[in-house]
Protein backbone atom coordinates (compact mmCIF):
# COMPACT_ATOMS: atom_id res chain seq x y z
CA UNK A 1 123.95 120.99 101.49
CA UNK A 2 123.63 117.26 100.88
CA UNK A 3 124.73 114.65 103.41
CA UNK A 4 127.63 112.40 102.50
CA UNK A 5 126.96 108.66 102.56
CA UNK A 6 130.66 107.81 102.07
CA UNK A 7 133.87 109.32 103.35
CA UNK A 8 137.00 110.31 101.45
CA UNK A 9 139.37 107.34 101.24
CA UNK A 10 136.52 104.84 100.72
CA UNK A 11 136.45 102.48 97.76
CA UNK A 12 133.08 102.16 96.01
CA UNK A 13 131.59 100.83 92.76
CA UNK A 14 130.43 103.47 90.30
CA UNK A 15 128.13 102.11 87.58
CA UNK A 16 130.00 100.94 84.51
CA UNK A 17 133.20 102.68 85.65
CA UNK A 18 133.95 99.99 88.22
CA UNK A 19 135.92 100.35 91.44
CA UNK A 20 136.77 103.93 92.36
CA UNK A 21 138.44 105.63 95.30
CA UNK A 22 136.55 108.58 96.74
CA UNK A 23 139.62 110.77 96.73
CA UNK A 24 137.94 113.77 98.30
CA UNK A 25 134.65 115.51 98.91
CA UNK A 26 134.59 119.15 97.94
CA UNK A 27 132.30 121.99 97.06
CA UNK A 28 132.35 122.73 93.32
CA UNK A 29 130.84 125.35 91.11
CA UNK A 30 129.42 124.45 87.72
CA UNK A 31 128.83 126.60 84.62
CA UNK A 32 125.54 128.37 84.13
CA UNK A 33 125.35 130.28 87.39
CA UNK A 34 124.19 127.28 89.42
CA UNK A 35 124.95 127.38 93.13
CA UNK A 36 127.98 125.44 94.39
CA UNK A 37 127.33 121.76 95.10
CA UNK A 38 129.08 119.26 97.35
CA UNK A 39 130.68 116.54 95.16
CA UNK A 40 132.45 113.24 95.45
CA UNK A 41 135.68 113.29 93.43
CA UNK A 42 136.27 109.73 92.25
CA UNK A 43 139.47 108.15 90.93
CA UNK A 44 138.76 104.95 88.95
CA UNK A 45 141.17 102.07 89.66
CA UNK A 46 141.36 101.41 85.91
CA UNK A 47 142.47 104.95 85.13
CA UNK A 48 144.18 106.84 87.94
CA UNK A 49 144.61 109.89 85.66
CA UNK A 50 140.84 110.32 85.42
CA UNK A 51 138.68 112.19 87.92
CA UNK A 52 134.91 111.97 88.05
CA UNK A 53 132.95 114.58 89.99
CA UNK A 54 129.50 113.50 91.18
CA UNK A 55 127.26 115.96 93.04
CA UNK A 56 126.00 114.33 96.24
CA UNK A 57 122.49 115.61 95.63
CA UNK A 58 122.21 114.04 92.16
CA UNK A 59 120.27 110.90 91.33
CA UNK A 60 123.51 109.35 90.03
CA UNK A 61 125.09 109.59 93.47
CA UNK A 62 122.23 107.69 95.04
CA UNK A 63 121.72 105.05 92.32
CA UNK A 64 125.11 104.45 90.68
CA UNK A 65 127.44 104.66 93.68
CA UNK A 66 127.38 101.38 95.59
CA UNK A 67 129.52 99.83 98.31
CA UNK A 68 132.14 97.25 97.33
CA UNK A 69 130.75 93.73 97.70
CA UNK A 70 132.08 91.44 100.40
CA UNK A 71 133.58 88.01 99.71
CA UNK A 72 130.34 86.41 100.99
CA UNK A 73 128.20 88.54 98.66
CA UNK A 74 130.40 87.62 95.70
CA UNK A 75 130.25 83.90 96.52
CA UNK A 76 126.45 84.05 96.76
CA UNK A 77 126.19 86.01 93.52
CA UNK A 78 128.29 83.43 91.66
CA UNK A 79 126.24 80.56 93.10
CA UNK A 80 123.00 82.31 92.20
CA UNK A 81 124.27 82.95 88.65
CA UNK A 82 124.48 79.20 88.04
CA UNK A 83 120.86 78.74 89.09
CA UNK A 84 119.55 81.55 86.88
CA UNK A 85 118.85 81.29 83.20
CA UNK A 86 121.27 83.08 80.94
CA UNK A 87 119.99 86.01 78.97
CA UNK A 88 118.22 84.89 75.81
CA UNK A 89 120.42 85.16 72.72
CA UNK A 90 119.13 87.96 70.49
CA UNK A 91 119.58 87.02 66.84
CA UNK A 92 119.46 90.60 65.53
CA UNK A 93 123.06 91.82 65.81
CA UNK A 94 122.20 95.52 66.27
CA UNK A 95 119.55 94.82 68.88
CA UNK A 96 121.88 92.43 70.74
CA UNK A 97 124.73 94.96 70.70
CA UNK A 98 122.38 97.64 72.03
CA UNK A 99 121.22 95.37 74.86
CA UNK A 100 124.79 94.43 75.80
CA UNK A 101 125.80 98.13 75.81
CA UNK A 102 122.93 98.92 78.22
CA UNK A 103 124.01 96.13 80.57
CA UNK A 104 127.63 97.31 80.46
CA UNK A 105 126.65 100.93 81.12
CA UNK A 106 124.63 100.00 84.21
CA UNK A 107 127.41 97.79 85.55
CA UNK A 108 125.03 95.55 87.54
CA UNK A 109 127.10 92.48 88.43
CA UNK A 110 124.21 89.99 88.27
CA UNK A 111 123.26 91.19 84.78
CA UNK A 112 126.92 91.12 83.72
CA UNK A 113 127.22 87.51 84.91
CA UNK A 114 124.08 86.52 82.98
CA UNK A 115 125.42 88.28 79.89
CA UNK A 116 128.80 86.54 80.14
CA UNK A 117 127.14 83.15 80.47
CA UNK A 118 124.89 83.93 77.48
CA UNK A 119 127.84 84.90 75.29
CA UNK A 120 129.93 81.92 76.41
CA UNK A 121 127.05 79.56 75.72
CA UNK A 122 126.69 81.02 72.21
CA UNK A 123 130.45 80.81 71.69
CA UNK A 124 130.29 77.07 72.42
CA UNK A 125 127.41 76.63 69.93
CA UNK A 126 129.27 78.58 67.25
CA UNK A 127 132.54 76.70 67.79
CA UNK A 128 130.63 73.44 67.33
CA UNK A 129 129.67 74.74 63.88
CA UNK A 130 133.18 75.94 63.06
CA UNK A 131 132.24 79.60 63.56
CA UNK A 132 133.22 82.38 65.95
CA UNK A 133 131.60 85.16 67.94
CA UNK A 134 131.37 88.56 66.27
CA UNK A 135 133.99 91.07 67.36
CA UNK A 136 131.27 93.15 69.08
CA UNK A 137 130.01 90.16 71.10
CA UNK A 138 133.52 89.16 72.14
CA UNK A 139 134.32 92.76 73.05
CA UNK A 140 131.18 93.00 75.23
CA UNK A 141 132.17 89.74 76.96
CA UNK A 142 135.70 90.97 77.61
CA UNK A 143 134.46 94.31 78.96
CA UNK A 144 131.98 92.57 81.30
CA UNK A 145 134.66 90.20 82.57
CA UNK A 146 137.04 93.13 83.10
CA UNK A 147 134.44 95.00 85.16
CA UNK A 148 133.77 91.97 87.35
CA UNK A 149 137.37 90.83 87.72
CA UNK A 150 138.31 94.29 88.92
CA UNK A 151 135.76 94.39 91.74
CA UNK A 152 135.92 90.68 92.57
CA UNK A 153 139.71 90.74 92.56
CA UNK A 154 139.70 93.82 94.78
CA UNK A 155 137.30 92.21 97.27
CA UNK A 156 138.85 88.74 97.18
CA UNK A 157 142.46 89.94 97.30
CA UNK A 158 143.32 88.47 93.89
CA UNK A 159 144.93 89.79 90.76
CA UNK A 160 142.64 90.54 87.83
CA UNK A 161 143.88 87.40 86.02
CA UNK A 162 143.22 85.22 89.07
CA UNK A 163 139.77 86.78 89.48
CA UNK A 164 138.96 86.13 85.81
CA UNK A 165 139.94 82.46 86.15
CA UNK A 166 137.96 82.24 89.38
CA UNK A 167 134.82 83.72 87.76
CA UNK A 168 135.05 81.35 84.77
CA UNK A 169 135.61 78.37 87.06
CA UNK A 170 132.63 79.27 89.26
CA UNK A 171 130.39 79.94 86.24
CA UNK A 172 131.52 76.64 84.74
CA UNK A 173 132.59 78.25 81.48
CA UNK A 174 135.88 77.90 79.67
CA UNK A 175 138.30 80.80 80.02
CA UNK A 176 139.82 82.25 76.86
């Protein structure tokens, strides 16, 4: 049987799902006659009615489950984000949407911050020309902010709204 890296009752980040509570660790059987496997049973903060079962011996458990960041790690990440270039704006709408979906699915905070800054920069350019972001671009921005405000708010002891304002302030971009 696989070793557990986390205990039940621990909060973790799980890829694009965000902050989850490891509610329990239990042996589960899966269809197809496979042997029973030890699994984390996760409860996302965003949706307490959902349960996600992740076998401990799967690649997902080792690559997508991460510890919650500390306040110091978040502060450094936000400072670093200002020093990094934003993602380049992709003119092709389908290609851009595909790239944003990949970033959202991975849930990597540094990439999410770069994506948010990229979209906000483009929003400023478009507003200067009397135009607006596409619905897909604005939706990707909102989803990225939601993912970050959830974890950052959790770690910093803030509400999601406060965390969103904090992120925008630190990234030097206008909130809504």
